[in-house]
Every structure is written in structure tokens, then in C-alpha cells.
Amino acid sequence: MLYSLQALRAFAAWVVVCHHFMQIFFDFHASSPLGRLFTERGAVGVDIFFVISGLVIYLSTRDKAIAPRQFMLQRLLRIVPAYWFYTGLMALLLFCASRWMPHQTFEWQHLVLSLLFIPAENPGGFGLYPTLNVGWTLNFEMFFYGLFALAFFVRQRHQLILVAVALLLASEVLGRLGVVSRFYNNSIIYEFLLGIGIGVVYRRGLLREGLWLPLAVLAVAGYAIYRLDASDRLLHWGLPSALVVMAFIALEPYFRGNQVLKTLGDCSYSVYLIHVLVLWAGWLLSQRLQLDPYLVFALCVPLIALASWVSYQWLERGLYRRGRAWLEARSQSSQAPALS
């Protein structure tokens, strides 16, 4: 486990939290420099997540004999329970309070499509977003997992080529032709490949640990993200995000063994899923009681952190362990010889 990646996952998650605070409370109309920074660049946390995801999937499966079905079941166990739970809570919030939430509408059909990771036009009319809006990134994640599972059908030396070709074919050909949703015809999807590329470089020992060079790389990447918008997402934010990930890995000695950072990284998925619910509840409260938005945000932050820790311990890790144990028990029982 790389503690540096845990720290970076936590950082990316909380940057997205600040970005959505500016969206929900101010409709992205920021007046302060920091507010404009989170409004215009806060979404880059997603790009960092995608690069890390490609890297982690590559490192966790390399040199392992894994069946495609086993890989997908493990990914589903990791992603689905928490996502379904918080999608259900968001649906309940929309069902009860959508008339007070601008651009938010509830529809049963859309909820079902959201739970199945099928991109569909949000009934609020603002694009291909699921019921829990942040779940759009999970649609990309599940699509990538499905294509990555194909790699286990071929020899290891051909796996990365197959994944890259499948991703290009699905996005550039099938997406453009309408065979798969146009949602996937988006350059952001190639950030998973950047993560895989970093994994290859890391395994070959080409990422050297240090301090000043990684910090310089971070400065260059940060400046690029600050200066460039998302008009060409892969080039403007994807490549700098890949540089950020490599720089953090090179700084691993300065993070190693830090249990606080590990915990923050562990909770990052729940932070990502929970924060919109908490922010919407905070916004409704601020509107009813005429509270200062920044005061409400200051109250939301510890609530998100605490709820995320509980979610990770009981919902993510707990259900994942029980699901893995159940799958292993079924596998062992199916392989047991029949008694004559």
C-alpha cells in the first residue's frame, strides 16, 4: 500500500467537496479568489481519482491469476453497496424535498437506470447524471472495469494492449456510432490508461523517490491546472493529474506509516458519496433559517468526515468482507468433490 496515494485520494475527495459547496450554495457564482479556484478547478479531483483508479487496478491485478467473473464480482462488492445506499438516500431526499431544490427532480425509471450504472438524462434536465449526481464518475468506473475484465481472457503480455484497444474502440467508434451511450465518448475515460501507464513505470522501478524534483513536478502540474480549463480534459487536466500522482508516489517516504492519512484515504470513497447529501441538507437548512453559507459549510465538514468514517467501517469494509467470505465459501463448496 502506498500511503502517498491514500493522502492524494483524500485530497482529491475534499477538493471535490469544496467544488460542490460552491455549486450548491452559490451556483458557481464565486466572488473571492479561493471561491473561483474551487469553482473553476475543483472538479480536477475527479481526474486525479481516475488516474489513481487505473493505477490501483493495474497494480492489484498484475501477476495474479484472476478470472474475469471474479474480478467483476470483487469490483461490484467494493463499489455497489455504498453507492446503492446513498443513491437511495438521495432518492428519498428528492422525493420529499425536490420542490425546494433547484434543478432536482425524482423519477422512478431514472432511479433504476442510476442503480444499474446506465447513463441517462437526468429528469432535472442538466445532462447525463444519475440520481446521486456524483455517480456519473462511477458510470465511467464500471465501464472501465468491464473492459479491463476482458484482459484476463488473454495472456498477460497482451493484456494492456487489449485494454487500450477496447477502450479506444468503445469510446471513439461505438460511442460515436451510438452503439454505446455517447456518454462514453469523452476523453476523460483515457485517464484510466494514464494510471495504468504510471503502474508500468512504477513496477519497473523508474519512479525514483526524492523531494525537490517531485515538488517541482507538483508545482508545474499545479500551475498547468490553474492556467488551463477543462476544454480539453485529457490534455489540460488529465496529464497534469498524472504528474501529480507520480510526484506523490516519489514522495512516499514522507507519507509512509502515517495512519491518519491512511484513514483519510480509506474514507475518501464515502466522502465522495456522502458529501452531496450533507451539503444539500445544509443548503436547505441555511435557506430556511437564513444562516451564513460558510458557517453551514464549517458544520458540514466534520459531519461529512464523521459520517464517512462510519460509512467506511460499517458499510464499505463490513459488507465487502462479508461478501468476499460468501463468495469464497461458494467457490469452495462448488469445488468440493461429490461423495459417492
Protein backbone atom coordinates (compact mmCIF):
# COMPACT_ATOMS: atom_id res chain seq x y z
CA MET A 1 0.00 0.00 0.00
CA LEU A 2 1.26 3.47 -0.89
CA TYR A 3 0.44 5.97 1.84
CA SER A 4 1.11 8.79 -0.61
CA LEU A 5 -1.81 7.63 -2.76
CA GLN A 6 -4.03 7.46 0.31
CA ALA A 7 -3.17 11.08 1.06
CA LEU A 8 -3.82 12.07 -2.55
CA ARG A 9 -7.17 10.26 -2.62
CA ALA A 10 -8.24 12.19 0.49
CA PHE A 11 -7.05 15.48 -1.00
CA ALA A 12 -8.90 14.86 -4.28
CA ALA A 13 -12.13 13.96 -2.44
CA TRP A 14 -12.12 17.11 -0.32
CA VAL A 15 -11.30 19.32 -3.31
CA VAL A 16 -14.46 17.93 -4.94
CA VAL A 17 -16.37 18.66 -1.72
CA CYS A 18 -15.31 22.32 -1.91
CA HIS A 19 -16.23 22.41 -5.60
CA HIS A 20 -19.74 21.17 -4.91
CA PHE A 21 -20.11 23.56 -1.98
CA MET A 22 -19.61 26.40 -4.45
CA GLN A 23 -22.15 24.79 -6.78
CA ILE A 24 -24.89 24.05 -4.27
CA PHE A 25 -24.64 27.20 -2.16
CA PHE A 26 -23.58 29.75 -4.79
CA ASP A 27 -24.47 28.18 -8.16
CA PHE A 28 -20.79 28.61 -9.08
CA HIS A 29 -21.01 32.41 -8.77
CA ALA A 30 -17.87 32.96 -6.75
CA SER A 31 -16.54 36.37 -5.74
CA SER A 32 -13.36 35.51 -3.79
CA PRO A 33 -10.17 34.17 -5.44
CA LEU A 34 -10.36 30.94 -3.43
CA GLY A 35 -14.03 30.52 -4.31
CA ARG A 36 -13.26 31.00 -8.01
CA LEU A 37 -10.42 28.48 -7.74
CA PHE A 38 -12.71 25.78 -6.32
CA THR A 39 -15.47 26.73 -8.76
CA GLU A 40 -13.31 26.61 -11.88
CA ARG A 41 -10.73 23.96 -10.94
CA GLY A 42 -12.22 21.90 -8.10
CA ALA A 43 -13.53 19.26 -10.50
CA VAL A 44 -9.93 18.20 -11.19
CA GLY A 45 -10.24 15.96 -8.14
CA VAL A 46 -12.19 13.57 -10.38
CA ASP A 47 -9.30 13.43 -12.87
CA ILE A 48 -6.90 12.56 -10.06
CA PHE A 49 -9.31 9.83 -8.92
CA PHE A 50 -9.44 8.31 -12.41
CA VAL A 51 -5.65 8.22 -12.76
CA ILE A 52 -5.32 6.63 -9.31
CA SER A 53 -8.05 4.12 -10.19
CA GLY A 54 -6.25 2.93 -13.30
CA LEU A 55 -3.00 2.67 -11.33
CA VAL A 56 -4.52 0.74 -8.42
CA ILE A 57 -6.44 -1.69 -10.64
CA TYR A 58 -3.28 -2.44 -12.61
CA LEU A 59 -1.07 -2.94 -9.53
CA SER A 60 -3.65 -5.01 -7.66
CA THR A 61 -4.19 -7.47 -10.52
CA ARG A 62 -0.73 -7.75 -12.11
CA ASP A 63 0.85 -11.21 -11.91
CA LYS A 64 -2.31 -12.69 -10.41
CA ALA A 65 -4.45 -15.46 -11.84
CA ILE A 66 -7.89 -13.84 -11.77
CA ALA A 67 -10.97 -14.93 -13.68
CA PRO A 68 -12.98 -12.12 -15.33
CA ARG A 69 -16.05 -13.06 -13.31
CA GLN A 70 -14.07 -12.96 -10.05
CA PHE A 71 -12.62 -9.56 -10.91
CA MET A 72 -16.03 -8.05 -11.67
CA LEU A 73 -17.63 -9.53 -8.56
CA GLN A 74 -14.88 -8.06 -6.39
CA ARG A 75 -15.29 -4.65 -8.03
CA LEU A 76 -19.06 -4.80 -7.62
CA LEU A 77 -18.69 -5.69 -3.94
CA ARG A 78 -16.38 -2.72 -3.49
CA ILE A 79 -18.46 -0.14 -5.35
CA VAL A 80 -22.12 -1.11 -5.36
CA PRO A 81 -23.33 -1.41 -1.72
CA ALA A 82 -22.33 2.10 -0.64
CA TYR A 83 -23.42 3.63 -3.95
CA TRP A 84 -26.84 1.99 -3.81
CA PHE A 85 -27.30 3.01 -0.17
CA TYR A 86 -26.54 6.69 -0.75
CA THR A 87 -28.44 6.74 -4.03
CA GLY A 88 -31.43 5.51 -2.04
CA LEU A 89 -30.97 8.31 0.49
CA MET A 90 -30.69 10.86 -2.33
CA ALA A 91 -33.86 9.49 -3.93
CA LEU A 92 -35.65 9.85 -0.58
CA LEU A 93 -34.41 13.43 -0.24
CA LEU A 94 -35.58 14.25 -3.77
CA PHE A 95 -38.92 12.55 -3.22
CA CYS A 96 -39.56 14.60 -0.08
CA ALA A 97 -37.91 17.94 -0.84
CA SER A 98 -37.33 18.33 -4.58
CA ARG A 99 -39.66 21.35 -4.72
CA TRP A 100 -37.11 23.26 -2.62
CA MET A 101 -34.06 22.02 -4.57
CA PRO A 102 -33.39 23.85 -7.87
CA HIS A 103 -32.97 21.64 -10.95
CA GLN A 104 -33.58 18.46 -8.95
CA THR A 105 -36.41 16.08 -9.88
CA PHE A 106 -37.21 12.50 -8.94
CA GLU A 107 -38.31 9.76 -11.39
CA TRP A 108 -38.52 6.04 -10.67
CA GLN A 109 -37.27 4.98 -14.10
CA HIS A 110 -34.25 7.22 -13.80
CA LEU A 111 -33.52 5.82 -10.34
CA VAL A 112 -33.46 2.25 -11.70
CA LEU A 113 -31.10 3.25 -14.52
CA SER A 114 -28.88 5.00 -11.99
CA LEU A 115 -28.65 1.89 -9.83
CA LEU A 116 -27.66 -0.15 -12.90
CA PHE A 117 -24.92 2.34 -13.91
CA ILE A 118 -26.69 3.13 -17.18
CA PRO A 119 -26.16 6.77 -18.27
CA ALA A 120 -29.48 8.56 -18.72
CA GLU A 121 -30.69 12.13 -18.97
CA ASN A 122 -31.37 13.48 -15.52
CA PRO A 123 -35.07 14.45 -15.13
CA GLY A 124 -33.83 17.85 -13.92
CA GLY A 125 -32.66 18.47 -17.49
CA PHE A 126 -28.98 19.18 -16.79
CA GLY A 127 -27.31 16.25 -18.53
CA LEU A 128 -26.45 12.59 -18.21
CA TYR A 129 -26.32 12.46 -14.43
CA PRO A 130 -27.69 9.74 -12.13
CA THR A 131 -29.95 10.28 -9.13
CA LEU A 132 -26.89 10.74 -6.91
CA ASN A 133 -25.24 13.23 -9.25
CA VAL A 134 -21.63 12.36 -8.35
CA GLY A 135 -22.36 8.82 -9.55
CA TRP A 136 -21.56 9.89 -13.14
CA THR A 137 -17.94 9.07 -12.37
CA LEU A 138 -18.93 5.58 -11.25
CA ASN A 139 -20.56 5.00 -14.64
CA PHE A 140 -17.10 5.52 -16.12
CA GLU A 141 -15.52 3.35 -13.42
CA MET A 142 -17.85 0.41 -14.07
CA PHE A 143 -17.40 0.76 -17.82
CA PHE A 144 -13.62 0.67 -17.35
CA TYR A 145 -13.89 -2.37 -15.06
CA GLY A 146 -15.95 -4.20 -17.68
CA LEU A 147 -13.36 -3.52 -20.38
CA PHE A 148 -10.48 -4.33 -18.03
CA ALA A 149 -12.08 -7.70 -17.26
CA LEU A 150 -11.53 -8.63 -20.91
CA ALA A 151 -7.79 -8.56 -20.26
CA PHE A 152 -8.00 -11.76 -18.23
CA PHE A 153 -9.07 -13.71 -21.31
CA VAL A 154 -5.65 -13.28 -22.95
CA ARG A 155 -2.04 -13.82 -21.97
CA GLN A 156 -0.53 -11.29 -19.62
CA ARG A 157 1.81 -9.79 -22.19
CA HIS A 158 -1.21 -8.89 -24.36
CA GLN A 159 -3.47 -7.61 -21.59
CA LEU A 160 -2.59 -3.92 -21.61
CA ILE A 161 -2.82 -3.73 -25.39
CA LEU A 162 -6.26 -5.33 -25.26
CA VAL A 163 -7.47 -2.88 -22.58
CA ALA A 164 -6.21 0.14 -24.53
CA VAL A 165 -7.70 -1.06 -27.83
CA ALA A 166 -11.02 -1.94 -26.18
CA LEU A 167 -11.21 1.49 -24.55
CA LEU A 168 -10.42 3.30 -27.79
CA LEU A 169 -12.88 1.18 -29.76
CA ALA A 170 -15.69 1.62 -27.25
CA SER A 171 -15.23 5.37 -26.86
CA GLU A 172 -14.21 6.55 -30.31
CA VAL A 173 -16.12 4.10 -32.52
CA LEU A 174 -19.04 2.59 -30.62
CA GLY A 175 -19.67 5.81 -28.71
CA ARG A 176 -19.73 7.93 -31.86
CA LEU A 177 -21.95 5.43 -33.67
CA GLY A 178 -24.42 5.27 -30.80
CA VAL A 179 -23.86 1.56 -30.11
CA VAL A 180 -22.93 2.56 -26.56
CA SER A 181 -24.03 5.80 -24.91
CA ARG A 182 -22.45 9.00 -26.19
CA PHE A 183 -21.61 9.50 -22.52
CA TYR A 184 -18.52 7.32 -23.06
CA ASN A 185 -17.27 9.35 -26.00
CA ASN A 186 -15.35 11.54 -23.59
CA SER A 187 -11.58 11.96 -23.37
CA ILE A 188 -11.71 11.74 -19.57
CA ILE A 189 -12.01 7.97 -19.92
CA TYR A 190 -8.39 7.75 -21.11
CA GLU A 191 -7.18 8.92 -17.73
CA PHE A 192 -7.54 5.31 -16.59
CA LEU A 193 -4.89 4.44 -19.19
CA LEU A 194 -2.62 7.15 -17.78
CA GLY A 195 -2.91 5.42 -14.41
CA ILE A 196 -2.06 2.06 -15.95
CA GLY A 197 0.96 3.65 -17.62
CA ILE A 198 2.14 5.00 -14.28
CA GLY A 199 1.74 1.50 -12.86
CA VAL A 200 4.01 0.07 -15.56
CA VAL A 201 6.63 2.76 -14.87
CA TYR A 202 6.39 2.19 -11.11
CA ARG A 203 6.76 -1.59 -11.35
CA ARG A 204 9.88 -1.17 -13.46
CA GLY A 205 11.47 0.97 -10.78
CA LEU A 206 11.60 4.10 -12.93
CA LEU A 207 9.89 6.33 -10.37
CA ARG A 208 12.67 7.42 -8.03
CA GLU A 209 11.92 8.67 -4.55
CA GLY A 210 13.05 12.18 -3.68
CA LEU A 211 11.93 15.60 -2.52
CA TRP A 212 12.90 18.55 -4.69
CA LEU A 213 12.22 17.04 -8.10
CA PRO A 214 8.74 15.73 -7.11
CA LEU A 215 7.93 19.13 -5.56
CA ALA A 216 9.00 20.84 -8.79
CA VAL A 217 6.79 18.46 -10.76
CA LEU A 218 3.88 19.25 -8.43
CA ALA A 219 4.43 22.96 -8.96
CA VAL A 220 4.42 22.56 -12.75
CA ALA A 221 1.31 20.34 -12.68
CA GLY A 222 -0.50 22.72 -10.30
CA TYR A 223 0.30 25.70 -12.48
CA ALA A 224 -0.95 23.86 -15.57
CA ILE A 225 -4.24 23.02 -13.86
CA TYR A 226 -4.56 26.60 -12.62
CA ARG A 227 -3.95 28.11 -16.05
CA LEU A 228 -5.82 25.62 -18.26
CA ASP A 229 -9.55 24.96 -18.32
CA ALA A 230 -11.36 21.69 -18.99
CA SER A 231 -12.00 22.36 -22.69
CA ASP A 232 -9.55 19.54 -23.49
CA ARG A 233 -9.91 17.50 -20.34
CA LEU A 234 -7.35 14.79 -21.06
CA LEU A 235 -4.60 17.19 -22.09
CA HIS A 236 -5.33 20.10 -19.75
CA TRP A 237 -6.25 18.22 -16.56
CA GLY A 238 -5.57 14.53 -17.20
CA LEU A 239 -1.86 14.81 -17.95
CA PRO A 240 -1.19 17.23 -15.06
CA SER A 241 -3.15 14.88 -12.78
CA ALA A 242 -0.89 12.03 -13.88
CA LEU A 243 2.13 14.19 -12.99
CA VAL A 244 0.59 14.86 -9.57
CA VAL A 245 0.14 11.13 -8.98
CA MET A 246 3.73 10.36 -9.99
CA ALA A 247 5.06 13.15 -7.79
CA PHE A 248 3.14 11.87 -4.77
CA ILE A 249 4.48 8.35 -5.33
CA ALA A 250 8.01 9.76 -5.45
CA LEU A 251 7.30 11.48 -2.11
CA GLU A 252 6.24 8.19 -0.49
CA PRO A 253 8.99 8.27 2.19
CA TYR A 254 7.44 11.43 3.61
CA PHE A 255 3.99 9.79 3.91
CA ARG A 256 4.90 6.21 4.80
CA GLY A 257 3.39 4.87 8.01
CA ASN A 258 1.06 7.84 8.60
CA GLN A 259 -2.11 6.18 9.89
CA VAL A 260 -4.12 9.41 9.81
CA LEU A 261 -3.51 9.78 6.08
CA LYS A 262 -4.32 6.10 5.58
CA THR A 263 -7.64 6.55 7.37
CA LEU A 264 -8.47 9.68 5.37
CA GLY A 265 -7.71 7.81 2.15
CA ASP A 266 -9.79 4.83 3.24
CA CYS A 267 -12.77 7.12 3.81
CA SER A 268 -12.40 9.04 0.54
CA TYR A 269 -14.97 6.96 -1.38
CA SER A 270 -17.58 7.52 1.31
CA VAL A 271 -16.65 11.23 1.45
CA TYR A 272 -17.31 11.39 -2.28
CA LEU A 273 -20.70 9.69 -2.00
CA ILE A 274 -21.93 11.36 1.20
CA HIS A 275 -20.89 14.97 0.77
CA VAL A 276 -23.58 15.99 -1.73
CA LEU A 277 -26.31 14.71 0.58
CA VAL A 278 -24.90 16.61 3.54
CA LEU A 279 -24.36 19.78 1.51
CA TRP A 280 -27.90 19.69 0.12
CA ALA A 281 -29.28 19.22 3.64
CA GLY A 282 -27.08 22.10 4.80
CA TRP A 283 -28.28 24.30 1.95
CA LEU A 284 -31.93 23.59 2.78
CA LEU A 285 -31.25 24.42 6.43
CA SER A 286 -29.44 27.64 5.52
CA GLN A 287 -32.34 28.72 3.31
CA ARG A 288 -34.96 28.04 5.97
CA LEU A 289 -33.02 29.66 8.83
CA GLN A 290 -31.15 32.32 6.82
CA LEU A 291 -27.75 31.07 8.00
CA ASP A 292 -24.38 32.16 6.66
CA PRO A 293 -23.27 29.66 3.95
CA TYR A 294 -19.70 29.48 5.26
CA LEU A 295 -20.92 28.76 8.79
CA VAL A 296 -23.08 25.95 7.45
CA PHE A 297 -20.13 24.60 5.47
CA ALA A 298 -17.98 24.68 8.61
CA LEU A 299 -20.62 22.49 10.26
CA CYS A 300 -20.93 20.22 7.22
CA VAL A 301 -17.20 19.38 7.06
CA PRO A 302 -16.92 17.48 10.38
CA LEU A 303 -20.30 15.87 9.74
CA ILE A 304 -19.10 14.59 6.34
CA ALA A 305 -15.85 13.37 7.90
CA LEU A 306 -17.56 11.52 10.75
CA ALA A 307 -20.29 10.03 8.55
CA SER A 308 -17.66 8.90 6.05
CA TRP A 309 -15.63 7.13 8.71
CA VAL A 310 -18.73 5.30 9.97
CA SER A 311 -19.70 4.50 6.38
CA TYR A 312 -16.27 3.07 5.60
CA GLN A 313 -16.17 0.93 8.74
CA TRP A 314 -19.69 -0.49 8.59
CA LEU A 315 -20.93 -0.15 5.03
CA GLU A 316 -17.86 -0.37 2.82
CA ARG A 317 -15.43 -2.61 4.69
CA GLY A 318 -18.01 -4.60 6.61
CA LEU A 319 -20.16 -5.54 3.61
CA TYR A 320 -17.10 -6.12 1.42
CA ARG A 321 -15.62 -8.60 3.88
CA ARG A 322 -18.89 -10.45 4.28
CA GLY A 323 -19.41 -10.52 0.53
CA ARG A 324 -15.89 -11.83 -0.08
CA ALA A 325 -16.34 -14.51 2.57
CA TRP A 326 -19.64 -15.58 1.00
CA LEU A 327 -18.10 -15.78 -2.48
CA GLU A 328 -15.13 -17.78 -1.20
CA ALA A 329 -17.44 -20.17 0.65
CA ARG A 330 -19.49 -20.71 -2.51
CA SER A 331 -16.34 -21.24 -4.55
CA GLN A 332 -15.02 -23.84 -2.11
CA SER A 333 -18.35 -25.68 -1.93
CA SER A 334 -18.59 -25.84 -5.73
CA GLN A 335 -15.06 -27.27 -5.94
CA ALA A 336 -15.58 -29.87 -3.22
CA PRO A 337 -15.69 -33.47 -4.58
CA ALA A 338 -19.07 -35.16 -4.54
CA LEU A 339 -19.44 -38.11 -2.15
CA SER A 340 -20.48 -41.40 -3.70
